[in-house]
Amino acid sequence: LPFIYGINSDPARNKRYPFCSSYYWDEKS
């Protein structure tokens, strides 16, 4: 999905991951 719809296509987060969860790091890197 990140490759089909684009890595930056997730409206709720900065980047699209396979599994949604809370990440404790820089999400823009």
PDB file of all heavy atoms in Angstrom:
ATOM      1  N   LEU A   1       0.799  -1.227   0.000  1.00  0.00           N
ATOM      2  CA  LEU A   1       0.000   0.000   0.000  1.00  0.00           C
ATOM      3  C   LEU A   1       0.834   1.280   0.000  1.00  0.00           C
ATOM      4  O   LEU A   1       0.501   2.222  -0.715  1.00  0.00           O
ATOM      5  CB  LEU A   1      -0.981   0.001   1.169  1.00  0.00           C
ATOM      6  CG  LEU A   1      -2.146  -0.976   1.058  1.00  0.00           C
ATOM      7  CD1 LEU A   1      -3.015  -0.896   2.296  1.00  0.00           C
ATOM      8  CD2 LEU A   1      -2.958  -0.707  -0.179  1.00  0.00           C
ATOM      9  N   PRO A   2       1.926   1.370   0.761  1.00  0.00           N
ATOM     10  CA  PRO A   2       2.725   2.604   0.669  1.00  0.00           C
ATOM     11  C   PRO A   2       3.291   2.836  -0.733  1.00  0.00           C
ATOM     12  O   PRO A   2       3.456   3.973  -1.146  1.00  0.00           O
ATOM     13  CB  PRO A   2       3.847   2.380   1.684  1.00  0.00           C
ATOM     14  CG  PRO A   2       3.281   1.437   2.666  1.00  0.00           C
ATOM     15  CD  PRO A   2       2.399   0.531   1.867  1.00  0.00           C
ATOM     16  N   PHE A   3       3.576   1.768  -1.453  1.00  0.00           N
ATOM     17  CA  PHE A   3       4.114   1.930  -2.799  1.00  0.00           C
ATOM     18  C   PHE A   3       3.010   2.186  -3.819  1.00  0.00           C
ATOM     19  O   PHE A   3       3.241   2.821  -4.839  1.00  0.00           O
ATOM     20  CB  PHE A   3       4.927   0.701  -3.189  1.00  0.00           C
ATOM     21  CG  PHE A   3       6.089   0.466  -2.277  1.00  0.00           C
ATOM     22  CD1 PHE A   3       6.096  -0.605  -1.403  1.00  0.00           C
ATOM     23  CD2 PHE A   3       7.168   1.335  -2.259  1.00  0.00           C
ATOM     24  CE1 PHE A   3       7.157  -0.821  -0.556  1.00  0.00           C
ATOM     25  CE2 PHE A   3       8.236   1.134  -1.413  1.00  0.00           C
ATOM     26  CZ  PHE A   3       8.231   0.055  -0.545  1.00  0.00           C
ATOM     27  N   ILE A   4       1.814   1.683  -3.556  1.00  0.00           N
ATOM     28  CA  ILE A   4       0.692   1.879  -4.481  1.00  0.00           C
ATOM     29  C   ILE A   4       0.111   3.284  -4.328  1.00  0.00           C
ATOM     30  O   ILE A   4      -0.058   4.010  -5.301  1.00  0.00           O
ATOM     31  CB  ILE A   4      -0.396   0.814  -4.234  1.00  0.00           C
ATOM     32  CG1 ILE A   4       0.136  -0.566  -4.620  1.00  0.00           C
ATOM     33  CG2 ILE A   4      -1.652   1.139  -5.034  1.00  0.00           C
ATOM     34  CD1 ILE A   4      -0.778  -1.714  -4.239  1.00  0.00           C
ATOM     35  N   TYR A   5      -0.205   3.655  -3.095  1.00  0.00           N
ATOM     36  CA  TYR A   5      -0.862   4.937  -2.858  1.00  0.00           C
ATOM     37  C   TYR A   5       0.118   6.067  -2.540  1.00  0.00           C
ATOM     38  O   TYR A   5      -0.269   7.216  -2.458  1.00  0.00           O
ATOM     39  CB  TYR A   5      -1.884   4.806  -1.732  1.00  0.00           C
ATOM     40  CG  TYR A   5      -3.027   3.918  -2.106  1.00  0.00           C
ATOM     41  CD1 TYR A   5      -3.170   2.663  -1.544  1.00  0.00           C
ATOM     42  CD2 TYR A   5      -3.964   4.324  -3.049  1.00  0.00           C
ATOM     43  CE1 TYR A   5      -4.221   1.837  -1.903  1.00  0.00           C
ATOM     44  CE2 TYR A   5      -5.011   3.515  -3.410  1.00  0.00           C
ATOM     45  CZ  TYR A   5      -5.137   2.276  -2.842  1.00  0.00           C
ATOM     46  OH  TYR A   5      -6.169   1.460  -3.204  1.00  0.00           O
ATOM     47  N   GLY A   6       1.351   5.730  -2.311  1.00  0.00           N
ATOM     48  CA  GLY A   6       2.354   6.742  -1.978  1.00  0.00           C
ATOM     49  C   GLY A   6       2.707   6.692  -0.505  1.00  0.00           C
ATOM     50  O   GLY A   6       1.855   6.457   0.346  1.00  0.00           O
ATOM     51  N   ILE A   7       3.962   6.912  -0.222  1.00  0.00           N
ATOM     52  CA  ILE A   7       4.443   6.837   1.157  1.00  0.00           C
ATOM     53  C   ILE A   7       3.815   7.937   2.002  1.00  0.00           C
ATOM     54  O   ILE A   7       3.452   7.732   3.152  1.00  0.00           O
ATOM     55  CB  ILE A   7       5.982   6.915   1.185  1.00  0.00           C
ATOM     56  CG1 ILE A   7       6.572   5.666   0.522  1.00  0.00           C
ATOM     57  CG2 ILE A   7       6.500   7.058   2.601  1.00  0.00           C
ATOM     58  CD1 ILE A   7       8.061   5.725   0.326  1.00  0.00           C
ATOM     59  N   ASN A   8       3.644   9.115   1.453  1.00  0.00           N
ATOM     60  CA  ASN A   8       3.130  10.256   2.207  1.00  0.00           C
ATOM     61  C   ASN A   8       1.628  10.432   2.052  1.00  0.00           C
ATOM     62  O   ASN A   8       1.114  11.526   2.209  1.00  0.00           O
ATOM     63  CB  ASN A   8       3.854  11.534   1.770  1.00  0.00           C
ATOM     64  CG  ASN A   8       5.331  11.479   2.089  1.00  0.00           C
ATOM     65  OD1 ASN A   8       5.723  10.947   3.117  1.00  0.00           O
ATOM     66  ND2 ASN A   8       6.142  11.992   1.194  1.00  0.00           N
ATOM     67  N   SER A   9       0.889   9.366   1.739  1.00  0.00           N
ATOM     68  CA  SER A   9      -0.544   9.495   1.457  1.00  0.00           C
ATOM     69  C   SER A   9      -1.439   9.247   2.659  1.00  0.00           C
ATOM     70  O   SER A   9      -2.650   9.353   2.543  1.00  0.00           O
ATOM     71  CB  SER A   9      -0.934   8.528   0.347  1.00  0.00           C
ATOM     72  OG  SER A   9      -0.747   7.194   0.785  1.00  0.00           O
ATOM     73  N   ASP A  10      -0.872   8.905   3.794  1.00  0.00           N
ATOM     74  CA  ASP A  10      -1.696   8.647   4.974  1.00  0.00           C
ATOM     75  C   ASP A  10      -2.135   9.982   5.584  1.00  0.00           C
ATOM     76  O   ASP A  10      -1.295  10.784   6.000  1.00  0.00           O
ATOM     77  CB  ASP A  10      -0.900   7.834   6.000  1.00  0.00           C
ATOM     78  CG  ASP A  10      -1.759   7.295   7.121  1.00  0.00           C
ATOM     79  OD1 ASP A  10      -2.967   7.599   7.149  1.00  0.00           O
ATOM     80  OD2 ASP A  10      -1.217   6.562   7.961  1.00  0.00           O
ATOM     81  N   PRO A  11      -3.455  10.236   5.651  1.00  0.00           N
ATOM     82  CA  PRO A  11      -3.899  11.536   6.170  1.00  0.00           C
ATOM     83  C   PRO A  11      -3.697  11.687   7.672  1.00  0.00           C
ATOM     84  O   PRO A  11      -3.547  12.803   8.167  1.00  0.00           O
ATOM     85  CB  PRO A  11      -5.384  11.573   5.810  1.00  0.00           C
ATOM     86  CG  PRO A  11      -5.785  10.151   5.635  1.00  0.00           C
ATOM     87  CD  PRO A  11      -4.560   9.413   5.187  1.00  0.00           C
ATOM     88  N   ALA A  12      -3.674  10.601   8.407  1.00  0.00           N
ATOM     89  CA  ALA A  12      -3.559  10.690   9.862  1.00  0.00           C
ATOM     90  C   ALA A  12      -2.111  10.789  10.331  1.00  0.00           C
ATOM     91  O   ALA A  12      -1.830  11.301  11.405  1.00  0.00           O
ATOM     92  CB  ALA A  12      -4.221   9.489  10.516  1.00  0.00           C
ATOM     93  N   ARG A  13      -1.182  10.287   9.537  1.00  0.00           N
ATOM     94  CA  ARG A  13       0.230  10.289   9.920  1.00  0.00           C
ATOM     95  C   ARG A  13       1.042  10.935   8.811  1.00  0.00           C
ATOM     96  O   ARG A  13       0.563  11.175   7.718  1.00  0.00           O
ATOM     97  CB  ARG A  13       0.703   8.859  10.154  1.00  0.00           C
ATOM     98  CG  ARG A  13       0.050   8.229  11.344  1.00  0.00           C
ATOM     99  CD  ARG A  13       0.543   6.795  11.493  1.00  0.00           C
ATOM    100  NE  ARG A  13       0.229   6.264  12.785  1.00  0.00           N
ATOM    101  CZ  ARG A  13      -0.995   5.986  13.209  1.00  0.00           C
ATOM    102  NH1 ARG A  13      -2.019   6.233  12.459  1.00  0.00           N
ATOM    103  NH2 ARG A  13      -1.197   5.470  14.397  1.00  0.00           N
ATOM    104  N   ASN A  14       2.286  11.151   9.073  1.00  0.00           N
ATOM    105  CA  ASN A  14       3.147  11.723   8.044  1.00  0.00           C
ATOM    106  C   ASN A  14       3.476  10.719   6.951  1.00  0.00           C
ATOM    107  O   ASN A  14       3.549  11.056   5.783  1.00  0.00           O
ATOM    108  CB  ASN A  14       4.447  12.238   8.670  1.00  0.00           C
ATOM    109  CG  ASN A  14       4.203  13.451   9.532  1.00  0.00           C
ATOM    110  OD1 ASN A  14       3.273  14.206   9.283  1.00  0.00           O
ATOM    111  ND2 ASN A  14       5.032  13.637  10.542  1.00  0.00           N
ATOM    112  N   LYS A  15       3.671   9.462   7.343  1.00  0.00           N
ATOM    113  CA  LYS A  15       4.022   8.422   6.370  1.00  0.00           C
ATOM    114  C   LYS A  15       3.127   7.212   6.589  1.00  0.00           C
ATOM    115  O   LYS A  15       2.666   6.950   7.680  1.00  0.00           O
ATOM    116  CB  LYS A  15       5.490   8.032   6.522  1.00  0.00           C
ATOM    117  CG  LYS A  15       6.443   9.176   6.232  1.00  0.00           C
ATOM    118  CD  LYS A  15       7.859   8.702   6.158  1.00  0.00           C
ATOM    119  CE  LYS A  15       8.827   9.821   5.938  1.00  0.00           C
ATOM    120  NZ  LYS A  15       8.784  10.395   4.634  1.00  0.00           N
ATOM    121  N   ARG A  16       2.911   6.458   5.520  1.00  0.00           N
ATOM    122  CA  ARG A  16       2.036   5.277   5.574  1.00  0.00           C
ATOM    123  C   ARG A  16       2.873   4.051   5.949  1.00  0.00           C
ATOM    124  O   ARG A  16       3.873   3.744   5.307  1.00  0.00           O
ATOM    125  CB  ARG A  16       1.371   5.061   4.221  1.00  0.00           C
ATOM    126  CG  ARG A  16       0.375   3.921   4.223  1.00  0.00           C
ATOM    127  CD  ARG A  16      -0.264   3.745   2.867  1.00  0.00           C
ATOM    128  NE  ARG A  16      -1.160   4.821   2.524  1.00  0.00           N
ATOM    129  CZ  ARG A  16      -2.461   4.844   2.799  1.00  0.00           C
ATOM    130  NH1 ARG A  16      -3.005   3.830   3.434  1.00  0.00           N
ATOM    131  NH2 ARG A  16      -3.214   5.858   2.449  1.00  0.00           N
ATOM    132  N   TYR A  17       2.422   3.350   6.994  1.00  0.00           N
ATOM    133  CA  TYR A  17       3.054   2.112   7.442  1.00  0.00           C
ATOM    134  C   TYR A  17       2.088   0.950   7.208  1.00  0.00           C
ATOM    135  O   TYR A  17       0.873   1.150   7.149  1.00  0.00           O
ATOM    136  CB  TYR A  17       3.373   2.173   8.946  1.00  0.00           C
ATOM    137  CG  TYR A  17       4.515   3.079   9.302  1.00  0.00           C
ATOM    138  CD1 TYR A  17       4.288   4.398   9.661  1.00  0.00           C
ATOM    139  CD2 TYR A  17       5.812   2.617   9.286  1.00  0.00           C
ATOM    140  CE1 TYR A  17       5.331   5.234   9.999  1.00  0.00           C
ATOM    141  CE2 TYR A  17       6.868   3.445   9.620  1.00  0.00           C
ATOM    142  CZ  TYR A  17       6.622   4.750   9.974  1.00  0.00           C
ATOM    143  OH  TYR A  17       7.655   5.565  10.299  1.00  0.00           O
ATOM    144  N   PRO A  18       2.603  -0.293   7.112  1.00  0.00           N
ATOM    145  CA  PRO A  18       1.686  -1.434   6.992  1.00  0.00           C
ATOM    146  C   PRO A  18       0.779  -1.585   8.211  1.00  0.00           C
ATOM    147  O   PRO A  18      -0.401  -1.859   8.077  1.00  0.00           O
ATOM    148  CB  PRO A  18       2.617  -2.634   6.857  1.00  0.00           C
ATOM    149  CG  PRO A  18       3.905  -2.088   6.362  1.00  0.00           C
ATOM    150  CD  PRO A  18       3.994  -0.700   6.931  1.00  0.00           C
ATOM    151  N   PHE A  19       1.313  -1.406   9.411  1.00  0.00           N
ATOM    152  CA  PHE A  19       0.533  -1.519  10.635  1.00  0.00           C
ATOM    153  C   PHE A  19       0.519  -0.164  11.332  1.00  0.00           C
ATOM    154  O   PHE A  19       1.572   0.409  11.602  1.00  0.00           O
ATOM    155  CB  PHE A  19       1.130  -2.570  11.581  1.00  0.00           C
ATOM    156  CG  PHE A  19       1.213  -3.934  10.976  1.00  0.00           C
ATOM    157  CD1 PHE A  19       2.438  -4.477  10.629  1.00  0.00           C
ATOM    158  CD2 PHE A  19       0.073  -4.671  10.724  1.00  0.00           C
ATOM    159  CE1 PHE A  19       2.516  -5.730  10.053  1.00  0.00           C
ATOM    160  CE2 PHE A  19       0.140  -5.917  10.149  1.00  0.00           C
ATOM    161  CZ  PHE A  19       1.363  -6.450   9.811  1.00  0.00           C
ATOM    162  N   CYS A  20      -0.671   0.316  11.610  1.00  0.00           N
ATOM    163  CA  CYS A  20      -0.793   1.608  12.283  1.00  0.00           C
ATOM    164  C   CYS A  20      -0.562   1.427  13.780  1.00  0.00           C
ATOM    165  O   CYS A  20      -1.131   0.540  14.402  1.00  0.00           O
ATOM    166  CB  CYS A  20      -2.183   2.192  12.050  1.00  0.00           C
ATOM    167  SG  CYS A  20      -2.475   2.616  10.343  1.00  0.00           S
ATOM    168  N   SER A  21       0.267   2.253  14.323  1.00  0.00           N
ATOM    169  CA  SER A  21       0.492   2.265  15.762  1.00  0.00           C
ATOM    170  C   SER A  21       1.147   3.594  16.107  1.00  0.00           C
ATOM    171  O   SER A  21       1.400   4.418  15.237  1.00  0.00           O
ATOM    172  CB  SER A  21       1.368   1.088  16.195  1.00  0.00           C
ATOM    173  OG  SER A  21       2.656   1.225  15.673  1.00  0.00           O
ATOM    174  N   SER A  22       1.417   3.780  17.359  1.00  0.00           N
ATOM    175  CA  SER A  22       2.068   5.004  17.797  1.00  0.00           C
ATOM    176  C   SER A  22       3.573   4.787  17.789  1.00  0.00           C
ATOM    177  O   SER A  22       4.070   3.790  18.347  1.00  0.00           O
ATOM    178  CB  SER A  22       1.600   5.348  19.207  1.00  0.00           C
ATOM    179  OG  SER A  22       2.218   6.529  19.638  1.00  0.00           O
ATOM    180  N   TYR A  23       4.304   5.667  17.148  1.00  0.00           N
ATOM    181  CA  TYR A  23       5.749   5.526  17.027  1.00  0.00           C
ATOM    182  C   TYR A  23       6.432   6.607  17.839  1.00  0.00           C
ATOM    183  O   TYR A  23       6.004   7.760  17.839  1.00  0.00           O
ATOM    184  CB  TYR A  23       6.166   5.608  15.556  1.00  0.00           C
ATOM    185  CG  TYR A  23       5.524   4.536  14.725  1.00  0.00           C
ATOM    186  CD1 TYR A  23       4.477   4.830  13.870  1.00  0.00           C
ATOM    187  CD2 TYR A  23       5.954   3.229  14.830  1.00  0.00           C
ATOM    188  CE1 TYR A  23       3.865   3.836  13.123  1.00  0.00           C
ATOM    189  CE2 TYR A  23       5.355   2.225  14.089  1.00  0.00           C
ATOM    190  CZ  TYR A  23       4.316   2.536  13.243  1.00  0.00           C
ATOM    191  OH  TYR A  23       3.718   1.550  12.526  1.00  0.00           O
ATOM    192  N   TYR A  24       7.501   6.243  18.524  1.00  0.00           N
ATOM    193  CA  TYR A  24       8.203   7.159  19.417  1.00  0.00           C
ATOM    194  C   TYR A  24       9.494   7.670  18.791  1.00  0.00           C
ATOM    195  O   TYR A  24      10.505   7.766  19.432  1.00  0.00           O
ATOM    196  CB  TYR A  24       8.519   6.458  20.737  1.00  0.00           C
ATOM    197  CG  TYR A  24       7.286   5.974  21.442  1.00  0.00           C
ATOM    198  CD1 TYR A  24       6.960   4.628  21.446  1.00  0.00           C
ATOM    199  CD2 TYR A  24       6.428   6.858  22.072  1.00  0.00           C
ATOM    200  CE1 TYR A  24       5.811   4.182  22.082  1.00  0.00           C
ATOM    201  CE2 TYR A  24       5.276   6.422  22.702  1.00  0.00           C
ATOM    202  CZ  TYR A  24       4.982   5.078  22.696  1.00  0.00           C
ATOM    203  OH  TYR A  24       3.843   4.648  23.321  1.00  0.00           O
ATOM    204  N   TRP A  25       9.460   7.966  17.514  1.00  0.00           N
ATOM    205  CA  TRP A  25      10.638   8.483  16.845  1.00  0.00           C
ATOM    206  C   TRP A  25      10.214   9.522  15.818  1.00  0.00           C
ATOM    207  O   TRP A  25       9.043   9.757  15.603  1.00  0.00           O
ATOM    208  CB  TRP A  25      11.451   7.365  16.195  1.00  0.00           C
ATOM    209  CG  TRP A  25      10.650   6.517  15.254  1.00  0.00           C
ATOM    210  CD1 TRP A  25      10.224   6.874  14.012  1.00  0.00           C
ATOM    211  CD2 TRP A  25      10.175   5.210  15.471  1.00  0.00           C
ATOM    212  NE1 TRP A  25       9.522   5.865  13.441  1.00  0.00           N
ATOM    213  CE2 TRP A  25       9.466   4.808  14.321  1.00  0.00           C
ATOM    214  CE3 TRP A  25      10.279   4.314  16.523  1.00  0.00           C
ATOM    215  CZ2 TRP A  25       8.872   3.573  14.197  1.00  0.00           C
ATOM    216  CZ3 TRP A  25       9.686   3.089  16.388  1.00  0.00           C
ATOM    217  CH2 TRP A  25       8.994   2.725  15.240  1.00  0.00           C
ATOM    218  N   ASP A  26      11.199  10.063  15.194  1.00  0.00           N
ATOM    219  CA  ASP A  26      10.956  11.097  14.188  1.00  0.00           C
ATOM    220  C   ASP A  26      10.282  10.460  12.975  1.00  0.00           C
ATOM    221  O   ASP A  26      10.896   9.675  12.254  1.00  0.00           O
ATOM    222  CB  ASP A  26      12.289  11.739  13.785  1.00  0.00           C
ATOM    223  CG  ASP A  26      12.109  12.835  12.757  1.00  0.00           C
ATOM    224  OD1 ASP A  26      10.979  13.340  12.607  1.00  0.00           O
ATOM    225  OD2 ASP A  26      13.103  13.188  12.109  1.00  0.00           O
ATOM    226  N   GLU A  27       9.009  10.770  12.779  1.00  0.00           N
ATOM    227  CA  GLU A  27       8.255  10.168  11.683  1.00  0.00           C
ATOM    228  C   GLU A  27       8.580  10.790  10.331  1.00  0.00           C
ATOM    229  O   GLU A  27       8.156  10.278   9.303  1.00  0.00           O
ATOM    230  CB  GLU A  27       6.756  10.287  11.952  1.00  0.00           C
ATOM    231  CG  GLU A  27       6.310   9.477  13.134  1.00  0.00           C
ATOM    232  CD  GLU A  27       4.820   9.602  13.371  1.00  0.00           C
ATOM    233  OE1 GLU A  27       4.123  10.291  12.607  1.00  0.00           O
ATOM    234  OE2 GLU A  27       4.349   8.994  14.338  1.00  0.00           O
ATOM    235  N   LYS A  28       9.325  11.864  10.293  1.00  0.00           N
ATOM    236  CA  LYS A  28       9.651  12.511   9.025  1.00  0.00           C
ATOM    237  C   LYS A  28      10.955  12.004   8.434  1.00  0.00           C
ATOM    238  O   LYS A  28      11.265  12.293   7.290  1.00  0.00           O
ATOM    239  CB  LYS A  28       9.706  14.026   9.225  1.00  0.00           C
ATOM    240  CG  LYS A  28       8.355  14.591   9.610  1.00  0.00           C
ATOM    241  CD  LYS A  28       8.425  16.068   9.835  1.00  0.00           C
ATOM    242  CE  LYS A  28       7.040  16.546  10.276  1.00  0.00           C
ATOM    243  NZ  LYS A  28       7.020  17.966  10.538  1.00  0.00           N
ATOM    244  N   SER A  29      11.730  11.242   9.172  1.00  0.00           N
ATOM    245  CA  SER A  29      13.014  10.734   8.702  1.00  0.00           C
ATOM    246  C   SER A  29      12.792   9.553   7.761  1.00  0.00           C
ATOM    247  O   SER A  29      12.092   8.594   8.090  1.00  0.00           O
ATOM    248  CB  SER A  29      13.870  10.303   9.885  1.00  0.00           C
ATOM    249  OG  SER A  29      15.015   9.620   9.439  1.00  0.00           O
TER     250      SER A  29
END
